[in-house]
N, C-alpha and C. Protein backbone atom coordinates (compact mmCIF):
# COMPACT_ATOMS: atom_id res chain seq x y z
N UNK A 1 60.35 44.01 -234.27
CA UNK A 1 59.31 44.52 -234.51
C UNK A 1 58.22 44.06 -233.49
N UNK A 2 57.47 44.77 -232.73
CA UNK A 2 56.62 44.23 -231.66
C UNK A 2 55.28 43.63 -232.29
N UNK A 3 54.57 43.03 -231.47
CA UNK A 3 53.36 42.47 -231.99
C UNK A 3 52.38 43.33 -232.53
N UNK A 4 52.31 44.52 -231.73
CA UNK A 4 51.41 45.84 -232.12
C UNK A 4 51.67 46.48 -233.19
N UNK A 5 52.89 46.30 -233.89
CA UNK A 5 53.39 47.06 -234.88
C UNK A 5 53.05 46.37 -236.30
N UNK A 6 52.39 46.81 -237.38
CA UNK A 6 52.25 46.08 -238.48
C UNK A 6 53.02 46.97 -239.56
N UNK A 7 53.56 45.89 -240.48
CA UNK A 7 54.32 46.81 -241.65
C UNK A 7 53.42 47.60 -242.44
N UNK A 8 53.95 48.65 -243.11
CA UNK A 8 53.16 49.49 -244.04
C UNK A 8 52.45 48.54 -245.06
N UNK A 9 53.06 47.69 -245.60
CA UNK A 9 52.47 46.91 -246.76
C UNK A 9 50.98 46.35 -246.33
N UNK A 10 50.94 45.99 -244.96
CA UNK A 10 49.69 45.35 -244.49
C UNK A 10 48.67 46.43 -243.89
N UNK A 11 49.07 47.65 -243.75
CA UNK A 11 48.13 48.57 -243.51
C UNK A 11 47.64 49.19 -244.43
N UNK A 12 47.98 49.37 -245.66
CA UNK A 12 47.29 50.16 -246.71
C UNK A 12 46.85 49.11 -247.42
N UNK A 13 45.96 49.60 -248.27
CA UNK A 13 45.15 48.77 -249.37
C UNK A 13 45.82 48.73 -250.65
N UNK A 14 45.81 47.88 -251.62
CA UNK A 14 46.50 47.74 -252.80
C UNK A 14 45.88 48.97 -253.91
N UNK A 15 46.65 49.73 -254.57
CA UNK A 15 45.84 50.65 -255.36
C UNK A 15 45.18 49.73 -256.71
N UNK A 16 44.21 50.28 -256.97
CA UNK A 16 43.49 49.72 -258.33
C UNK A 16 44.18 49.79 -259.53
N UNK A 17 44.82 50.74 -259.90
CA UNK A 17 45.34 51.17 -261.20
C UNK A 17 44.61 52.12 -261.90
N UNK A 18 43.17 52.50 -261.73
CA UNK A 18 42.46 53.45 -262.39
C UNK A 18 42.82 54.93 -261.93
N UNK A 19 42.94 55.70 -262.93
CA UNK A 19 42.84 56.98 -262.48
C UNK A 19 42.07 57.70 -263.28
N UNK A 20 41.60 58.97 -262.98
CA UNK A 20 40.61 59.84 -263.82
C UNK A 20 41.36 59.90 -265.18
N UNK A 21 40.37 60.03 -266.33
CA UNK A 21 41.01 60.34 -267.84
C UNK A 21 40.59 61.71 -268.07
N UNK A 22 41.57 62.44 -268.33
CA UNK A 22 41.77 63.63 -269.17
C UNK A 22 41.19 63.50 -270.46
N UNK A 23 39.92 63.58 -270.89
CA UNK A 23 39.23 63.55 -272.23
C UNK A 23 40.04 64.56 -273.12
N UNK A 24 40.43 65.69 -272.91
CA UNK A 24 41.33 66.45 -274.00
C UNK A 24 42.49 65.77 -274.46
N UNK A 25 43.51 65.26 -273.39
CA UNK A 25 44.41 64.59 -273.56
C UNK A 25 44.29 63.35 -274.45
N UNK A 26 43.26 62.46 -274.06
CA UNK A 26 43.07 61.40 -274.78
C UNK A 26 42.57 61.47 -276.35
N UNK A 27 41.86 62.91 -276.63
CA UNK A 27 41.42 62.94 -277.60
C UNK A 27 42.53 63.46 -278.58
N UNK A 28 43.21 64.36 -278.20
CA UNK A 28 44.59 64.98 -278.90
C UNK A 28 45.77 63.83 -279.07
N UNK A 29 45.92 63.11 -278.11
CA UNK A 29 46.70 62.02 -278.34
C UNK A 29 46.30 60.93 -279.55
N UNK A 30 44.96 60.63 -279.38
CA UNK A 30 44.57 59.78 -280.61
C UNK A 30 44.52 60.34 -281.84
N UNK A 31 44.32 61.73 -282.17
CA UNK A 31 44.50 62.35 -283.09
C UNK A 31 46.01 62.53 -283.77
N UNK A 32 46.99 62.80 -282.74
CA UNK A 32 48.31 62.83 -283.19
C UNK A 32 48.66 61.32 -283.20
N UNK A 33 48.40 60.34 -282.96
CA UNK A 33 48.95 59.07 -283.30
C UNK A 33 48.38 58.79 -284.80
N UNK A 34 47.26 59.10 -284.90
CA UNK A 34 46.54 59.10 -286.46
C UNK A 34 47.22 59.77 -287.55
N UNK A 35 47.58 60.97 -287.08
CA UNK A 35 48.25 61.90 -288.04
C UNK A 35 49.38 61.47 -288.40
N UNK A 36 50.29 61.01 -287.19
CA UNK A 36 51.60 60.57 -287.52
C UNK A 36 51.71 59.09 -288.26
N UNK A 37 50.49 58.38 -287.83
CA UNK A 37 50.45 57.05 -288.98
C UNK A 37 50.17 57.44 -290.41
N UNK A 38 49.51 58.25 -290.58
CA UNK A 38 49.18 58.56 -292.12
C UNK A 38 50.26 59.58 -292.54
N UNK A 39 51.27 60.19 -291.80
CA UNK A 39 52.48 60.78 -292.32
C UNK A 39 53.34 59.65 -292.53
N UNK A 40 53.62 58.94 -291.96
CA UNK A 40 54.25 57.50 -291.98
C UNK A 40 54.05 57.03 -293.42
N UNK A 41 52.70 56.55 -293.55
CA UNK A 41 51.99 55.95 -294.96
C UNK A 41 52.43 56.71 -295.93
N UNK A 42 52.45 58.13 -296.06
CA UNK A 42 52.45 59.02 -297.03
C UNK A 42 54.20 59.08 -297.40
N UNK A 43 54.92 59.26 -296.30
CA UNK A 43 56.20 59.35 -296.45
C UNK A 43 57.13 57.82 -296.90
N UNK A 44 56.55 56.65 -296.86
CA UNK A 44 56.88 55.64 -297.25
C UNK A 44 56.34 55.28 -298.71
N UNK A 45 55.53 55.99 -299.22
CA UNK A 45 55.07 55.92 -300.35
C UNK A 45 53.95 54.58 -300.41
N UNK A 46 53.39 54.15 -298.96
CA UNK A 46 52.32 53.10 -299.30
C UNK A 46 51.08 53.89 -299.69
N UNK A 47 50.87 55.35 -299.59
CA UNK A 47 49.73 55.76 -299.97
C UNK A 47 50.24 57.25 -300.85
N UNK A 48 49.68 57.38 -301.67
CA UNK A 48 49.96 58.75 -302.61
C UNK A 48 49.09 59.44 -302.07
N UNK A 49 49.67 61.09 -301.92
CA UNK A 49 49.10 62.07 -301.23
C UNK A 49 47.66 62.28 -302.30
N UNK A 50 47.80 62.07 -303.49
CA UNK A 50 46.63 62.45 -304.42
C UNK A 50 45.48 61.41 -303.85
N UNK A 51 45.66 60.22 -303.39
CA UNK A 51 44.99 59.63 -302.99
C UNK A 51 44.32 59.60 -301.71
N UNK A 52 44.98 60.52 -300.99
CA UNK A 52 44.75 60.22 -299.32
C UNK A 52 43.82 61.60 -298.92
N UNK A 53 43.23 62.06 -300.18
CA UNK A 53 42.22 63.05 -299.59
C UNK A 53 41.02 62.59 -298.68
N UNK A 54 40.90 61.44 -298.75
CA UNK A 54 39.59 61.07 -297.92
C UNK A 54 40.41 60.56 -296.64
N UNK A 55 41.50 60.30 -296.55
CA UNK A 55 42.17 59.58 -295.38
C UNK A 55 42.86 60.66 -294.39
N UNK A 56 42.93 61.91 -294.90
CA UNK A 56 43.49 63.08 -293.86
C UNK A 56 42.41 63.25 -292.61
N UNK A 57 41.16 63.52 -292.95
CA UNK A 57 40.41 63.79 -291.67
C UNK A 57 39.92 62.62 -290.89
N UNK A 58 40.44 61.34 -291.14
CA UNK A 58 40.06 60.15 -290.30
C UNK A 58 40.47 60.32 -289.10
N UNK A 59 41.69 60.71 -288.86
CA UNK A 59 42.34 60.81 -287.29
C UNK A 59 41.51 61.69 -286.63
N UNK A 60 40.76 62.74 -287.09
CA UNK A 60 40.00 63.83 -286.48
C UNK A 60 38.52 62.89 -285.89
N UNK A 61 38.01 62.28 -286.86
CA UNK A 61 36.76 61.78 -286.77
C UNK A 61 37.05 60.78 -285.62
N UNK A 62 38.26 59.66 -285.73
CA UNK A 62 38.48 58.81 -284.78
C UNK A 62 38.45 59.45 -283.39
N UNK A 63 39.12 60.45 -283.30
CA UNK A 63 39.38 61.16 -282.15
C UNK A 63 38.02 61.56 -281.40
N UNK A 64 37.50 62.29 -282.14
CA UNK A 64 36.13 62.75 -281.92
C UNK A 64 35.19 61.69 -281.39
N UNK A 65 35.25 60.58 -282.18
CA UNK A 65 34.36 59.34 -281.65
C UNK A 65 35.01 58.57 -280.42
N UNK A 66 36.11 58.86 -280.10
CA UNK A 66 36.77 58.31 -278.60
C UNK A 66 36.59 59.44 -277.68
N UNK A 67 36.54 60.60 -277.76
CA UNK A 67 36.06 61.57 -276.95
C UNK A 67 34.51 61.66 -276.51
N UNK A 68 33.87 61.18 -277.59
CA UNK A 68 32.24 61.17 -277.44
C UNK A 68 32.07 59.68 -276.61
N UNK A 69 32.78 58.41 -276.70
CA UNK A 69 32.47 57.35 -276.07
C UNK A 69 32.91 57.36 -274.58
N UNK A 70 34.40 58.14 -274.62
CA UNK A 70 34.69 58.14 -273.10
C UNK A 70 33.73 59.18 -272.26
N UNK A 71 33.39 60.16 -272.77
CA UNK A 71 32.29 61.10 -272.22
C UNK A 71 31.05 60.49 -271.64
N UNK A 72 30.47 59.57 -272.41
CA UNK A 72 29.28 58.80 -272.34
C UNK A 72 29.61 57.81 -271.17
N UNK A 73 30.74 57.13 -271.36
CA UNK A 73 31.05 56.12 -270.19
C UNK A 73 31.47 56.68 -268.75
N UNK A 74 32.04 57.95 -268.88
CA UNK A 74 32.35 58.68 -267.59
C UNK A 74 31.08 59.06 -266.76
N UNK A 75 30.05 59.45 -267.65
CA UNK A 75 28.95 59.79 -267.04
C UNK A 75 27.89 58.91 -266.77
N UNK A 76 28.20 57.58 -267.29
CA UNK A 76 27.37 56.48 -267.17
C UNK A 76 26.71 56.29 -265.74
N UNK A 77 27.55 56.34 -264.89
CA UNK A 77 27.54 55.82 -263.54
C UNK A 77 27.02 57.17 -262.64
N UNK A 78 26.67 58.39 -263.28
CA UNK A 78 26.03 59.29 -262.43
C UNK A 78 24.52 59.40 -262.27
N UNK A 79 23.87 59.77 -261.12
CA UNK A 79 22.49 59.91 -261.22
C UNK A 79 21.83 60.79 -262.24
N UNK A 80 21.00 60.41 -262.69
CA UNK A 80 20.30 61.40 -263.62
C UNK A 80 19.61 62.63 -263.11
N UNK A 81 19.89 63.80 -263.65
CA UNK A 81 19.48 65.01 -262.66
C UNK A 81 20.37 65.71 -261.90
N UNK A 82 21.38 65.12 -261.73
CA UNK A 82 22.31 65.54 -260.55
C UNK A 82 23.58 66.55 -261.56
N UNK A 83 23.54 67.61 -261.26
CA UNK A 83 24.85 68.34 -262.14
C UNK A 83 26.13 68.39 -261.15
N UNK A 84 26.98 67.39 -261.52
CA UNK A 84 28.01 67.27 -260.75
C UNK A 84 28.96 68.34 -260.98
N UNK A 85 29.39 68.92 -259.88
CA UNK A 85 30.31 70.18 -260.02
C UNK A 85 29.74 71.13 -259.98
N UNK A 86 28.75 71.47 -259.93
CA UNK A 86 27.87 72.62 -259.57
C UNK A 86 27.45 72.90 -258.06
N UNK A 87 27.66 74.23 -257.82
CA UNK A 87 27.53 74.32 -256.09
C UNK A 87 26.18 74.77 -256.10
């Protein structure tokens, strides 16, 4: 290797590890994990189905809250009044 050639590692910047979040995937994944958790609790007899009527909508509420928080955080850095994505 000559002095003018640089290895590939030195010429590129290190990736940050961040990528855009698909909010729909995040919300549905959160709801799925919550529903599987409730199913596991009911199946293992830790919670009776008769007593779980308040527990069943809980994953949907948490998933909706996660979606709202991510939407607000995603739009926090944008300038007010600018409609991003519109031409």
